[in-house]
Protein backbone atom coordinates (compact mmCIF):
# COMPACT_ATOMS: atom_id res chain seq x y z
CA MET A 1 -23.03 -42.92 -33.69
CA GLU A 2 -26.11 -44.33 -31.27
CA ARG A 3 -26.61 -43.40 -27.60
CA SER A 4 -25.88 -46.83 -26.57
CA GLU A 5 -22.75 -46.82 -28.55
CA LYS A 6 -21.57 -42.90 -27.36
CA GLN A 7 -22.24 -43.92 -23.46
CA ALA A 8 -19.68 -47.35 -24.08
CA GLU A 9 -17.62 -44.84 -25.38
CA LEU A 10 -17.63 -42.64 -23.21
CA GLY A 11 -17.19 -45.40 -19.63
CA VAL A 12 -13.93 -46.30 -21.98
CA LEU A 13 -12.79 -42.70 -22.29
CA VAL A 14 -13.55 -42.14 -18.54
CA ASP A 15 -11.72 -45.86 -17.52
CA LYS A 16 -8.51 -44.37 -19.61
CA PHE A 17 -8.38 -41.46 -18.31
CA THR A 18 -9.12 -43.00 -14.30
CA LYS A 19 -6.09 -45.34 -15.10
CA ALA A 20 -3.85 -43.27 -16.93
CA GLN A 21 -0.72 -40.82 -15.14
CA VAL A 22 -0.52 -39.10 -18.44
CA ALA A 23 -2.77 -38.33 -21.47
CA VAL A 24 -1.40 -35.99 -24.43
CA CYS A 25 -3.74 -34.78 -27.05
CA VAL A 26 -1.98 -34.54 -30.47
CA ASP A 27 -3.19 -33.31 -33.91
CA TYR A 28 -3.02 -36.00 -36.46
CA ARG A 29 -3.84 -33.99 -39.86
CA GLY A 30 -1.88 -34.88 -42.76
CA LEU A 31 -0.56 -37.91 -42.24
CA THR A 32 -1.06 -41.17 -44.01
CA VAL A 33 -2.82 -44.06 -42.41
CA ALA A 34 0.42 -45.91 -42.47
CA LYS A 35 2.59 -42.91 -40.91
CA ILE A 36 -0.53 -43.74 -37.96
CA SER A 37 -0.13 -47.09 -37.72
CA GLU A 38 3.70 -46.62 -37.71
CA LEU A 39 2.98 -44.23 -34.26
CA ARG A 40 0.34 -46.42 -32.82
CA ARG A 41 2.97 -49.68 -32.96
CA GLU A 42 5.83 -47.49 -31.04
CA LEU A 43 3.41 -45.87 -28.38
CA ARG A 44 1.84 -49.81 -28.05
CA GLN A 45 5.94 -50.67 -27.45
CA SER A 46 6.75 -47.73 -25.10
CA GLY A 47 3.55 -49.61 -22.74
CA SER A 48 1.03 -46.31 -24.56
CA GLU A 49 -2.09 -46.34 -26.32
CA GLY A 50 -3.34 -43.75 -28.77
CA ARG A 51 -7.62 -43.59 -29.62
CA VAL A 52 -8.73 -41.07 -31.86
CA VAL A 53 -11.65 -39.97 -29.94
CA ARG A 54 -15.05 -37.87 -30.40
CA ASN A 55 -14.11 -34.90 -28.59
CA THR A 56 -17.20 -34.10 -26.64
CA LEU A 57 -17.09 -37.94 -25.34
CA ALA A 58 -13.70 -36.93 -24.55
CA ARG A 59 -14.59 -33.21 -22.53
CA LEU A 60 -17.17 -34.93 -20.79
CA ALA A 61 -14.65 -37.97 -19.39
CA VAL A 62 -12.02 -35.09 -18.67
CA ASN A 63 -14.72 -33.45 -16.93
CA LYS A 64 -16.16 -36.41 -14.78
CA ILE A 65 -12.66 -37.25 -14.15
CA ALA A 66 -11.29 -33.63 -13.09
CA THR A 67 -14.85 -33.74 -10.55
CA ASP A 68 -13.32 -36.89 -8.95
CA ARG A 69 -9.90 -36.18 -8.17
CA GLY A 70 -10.26 -32.42 -7.87
CA SER A 71 -8.47 -30.77 -9.82
CA SER A 72 -8.02 -26.88 -10.21
CA GLN A 73 -10.58 -25.48 -12.83
CA SER A 74 -8.47 -23.71 -14.66
CA GLU A 75 -6.50 -26.43 -15.57
CA VAL A 76 -9.35 -28.25 -16.32
CA GLU A 77 -9.95 -25.51 -18.99
CA ARG A 78 -6.76 -25.66 -20.59
CA PHE A 79 -6.55 -29.01 -20.72
CA LEU A 80 -10.25 -29.22 -22.44
CA ALA A 81 -9.30 -26.57 -24.95
CA THR A 82 -6.68 -28.68 -26.38
CA ILE A 83 -9.86 -30.62 -27.91
CA VAL A 84 -10.38 -29.33 -31.08
CA GLY A 85 -10.02 -30.84 -34.43
CA PRO A 86 -9.35 -33.99 -35.08
CA THR A 87 -7.52 -35.79 -31.79
CA LEU A 88 -5.66 -38.26 -30.86
CA VAL A 89 -5.77 -38.82 -27.54
CA VAL A 90 -1.99 -41.13 -25.72
CA THR A 91 -2.76 -42.27 -22.65
CA CYS A 92 -0.17 -44.71 -20.54
CA ASP A 93 -0.62 -46.01 -17.23
CA LYS A 94 2.82 -46.99 -16.36
CA ASP A 95 5.25 -44.53 -17.24
CA PRO A 96 4.33 -41.11 -18.08
CA ILE A 97 7.86 -40.72 -19.64
CA ALA A 98 7.43 -42.84 -22.26
CA PRO A 99 4.70 -41.66 -24.41
CA THR A 100 6.16 -38.03 -24.30
CA LYS A 101 9.44 -39.43 -25.71
CA VAL A 102 7.68 -41.43 -28.95
CA LEU A 103 5.68 -38.28 -29.60
CA THR A 104 8.20 -35.71 -29.61
CA LYS A 105 10.36 -37.86 -31.75
CA PHE A 106 8.02 -38.43 -34.46
CA ALA A 107 7.12 -34.78 -34.47
CA LYS A 108 10.68 -34.17 -35.31
CA ALA A 109 10.50 -36.45 -38.09
CA ASN A 110 6.38 -35.39 -39.26
CA ASP A 111 6.32 -31.56 -39.88
CA LYS A 112 2.56 -32.03 -39.92
CA PHE A 113 1.81 -34.01 -36.69
CA ARG A 114 2.21 -31.74 -34.10
CA VAL A 115 1.64 -32.17 -29.63
CA LYS A 116 -1.23 -29.82 -28.57
CA GLY A 117 -0.66 -30.41 -24.96
CA CYS A 118 -1.01 -33.15 -21.67
CA TRP A 119 -2.50 -33.83 -18.76
CA LEU A 120 0.17 -34.94 -15.79
CA ASP A 121 -1.35 -35.30 -12.29
CA GLY A 122 -4.26 -33.25 -12.43
CA ALA A 123 -2.01 -30.14 -14.14
CA TYR A 124 -1.98 -28.94 -17.75
CA VAL A 125 1.15 -28.91 -19.66
CA ASP A 126 2.15 -27.13 -22.54
CA PRO A 127 3.36 -28.73 -25.91
CA ALA A 128 6.90 -26.93 -24.80
CA GLY A 129 6.85 -28.86 -21.26
CA VAL A 130 6.03 -31.86 -23.15
CA THR A 131 8.61 -31.59 -24.97
CA SER A 132 10.62 -30.72 -21.60
CA LEU A 133 8.95 -33.94 -20.14
CA SER A 134 10.11 -36.12 -23.20
CA MET A 135 13.86 -35.21 -22.12
CA MET A 136 13.94 -36.44 -18.36
CA PRO A 137 14.45 -39.96 -17.80
CA GLY A 138 12.47 -42.48 -17.91
CA ARG A 139 10.53 -45.20 -15.46
CA GLU A 140 13.45 -48.12 -16.64
CA GLU A 141 16.07 -45.03 -17.18
CA THR A 142 15.43 -43.60 -13.59
CA PHE A 143 14.84 -47.34 -11.81
CA ALA A 144 18.41 -48.15 -13.49
CA MET A 145 20.18 -45.21 -11.95
CA LEU A 146 18.90 -45.30 -9.08
CA LEU A 147 19.97 -49.14 -8.48
CA ARG A 148 23.64 -48.39 -9.70
CA LEU A 149 23.43 -45.46 -6.93
CA MET A 150 22.20 -48.44 -4.16
CA MET A 151 25.46 -50.94 -5.75
CA GLU A 152 28.07 -47.33 -5.56
CA PRO A 153 28.72 -47.86 -1.84
CA ALA A 154 29.17 -52.06 -2.07
CA THR A 155 31.76 -51.51 -5.18
CA ARG A 156 33.21 -49.44 -3.37
CA MET A 157 33.67 -51.82 -0.46
CA VAL A 158 35.09 -54.78 -2.15
CA ARG A 159 37.77 -52.36 -4.07
CA VAL A 160 39.26 -51.13 -0.66
CA MET A 161 38.74 -54.46 0.55
CA SER A 162 40.80 -56.19 -2.19
CA GLU A 163 43.27 -53.50 -2.68
CA PRO A 164 45.83 -54.79 0.39
CA SER A 165 45.66 -58.10 -1.29
CA ALA A 166 46.56 -56.73 -5.05
CA LEU A 167 49.38 -54.67 -3.14
CA VAL A 168 50.95 -58.10 -1.74
CA VAL A 169 50.78 -59.56 -5.54
CA ARG A 170 51.86 -56.42 -7.06
CA ALA A 171 54.66 -56.75 -4.55
CA ILE A 172 55.52 -60.47 -5.54
CA GLU A 173 55.44 -59.76 -9.06
CA ALA A 174 58.11 -57.05 -8.88
CA TYR A 175 60.62 -59.13 -6.65
CA ARG A 176 60.01 -61.87 -9.04
CA LYS A 177 60.90 -59.44 -11.86
CA LYS A 178 64.40 -57.85 -9.91
CA LEU A 179 65.76 -61.47 -9.25
CA GLY A 180 65.37 -61.96 -12.95
CA GLY A 181 62.04 -62.07 -15.02
CA ASP A 182 60.23 -65.56 -16.03
CA SER A 183 63.56 -67.29 -14.77
CA ALA A 184 63.26 -67.19 -11.92
CA ALA A 185 59.47 -68.67 -11.65
CA ALA A 186 60.39 -71.52 -13.29
């Protein structure tokens, strides 16, 4: 790579890390091109992006972002330790849980694939933490739960308000059956 290409790639990485809510480093050694393409397709569907990076450029980008955000140096060092060997960096700027779900599921199906760690809100998260994150509800699931909680009081109120009229209907129906069933209605 020429110097100008490296600077352009560094700019892209800095931009990705700046916008990303989460950045996950994974080791993809031993996977076929078809498997990597499948992973990238799943990541795109979840609103994430996977990018094979040059380690030196990735470290420079992380250091620049961490310095700008005032992150703890020990946390930065722990994350930088994951950027060794062939590294695929997965970033997502919308939902920090979505890529962890895809990656954890993919890792269970492929023995050679492993999550090295992740950077979330200025802190390093180890592979076990990434697995724990994947079990949390995602952004859409959280909105659905919140909406259900907000709608519950209104639903209960409608039920309570409609109960007196339902009681009247049930009483009339019971009286009709007492008088002789269907023939009384005719």
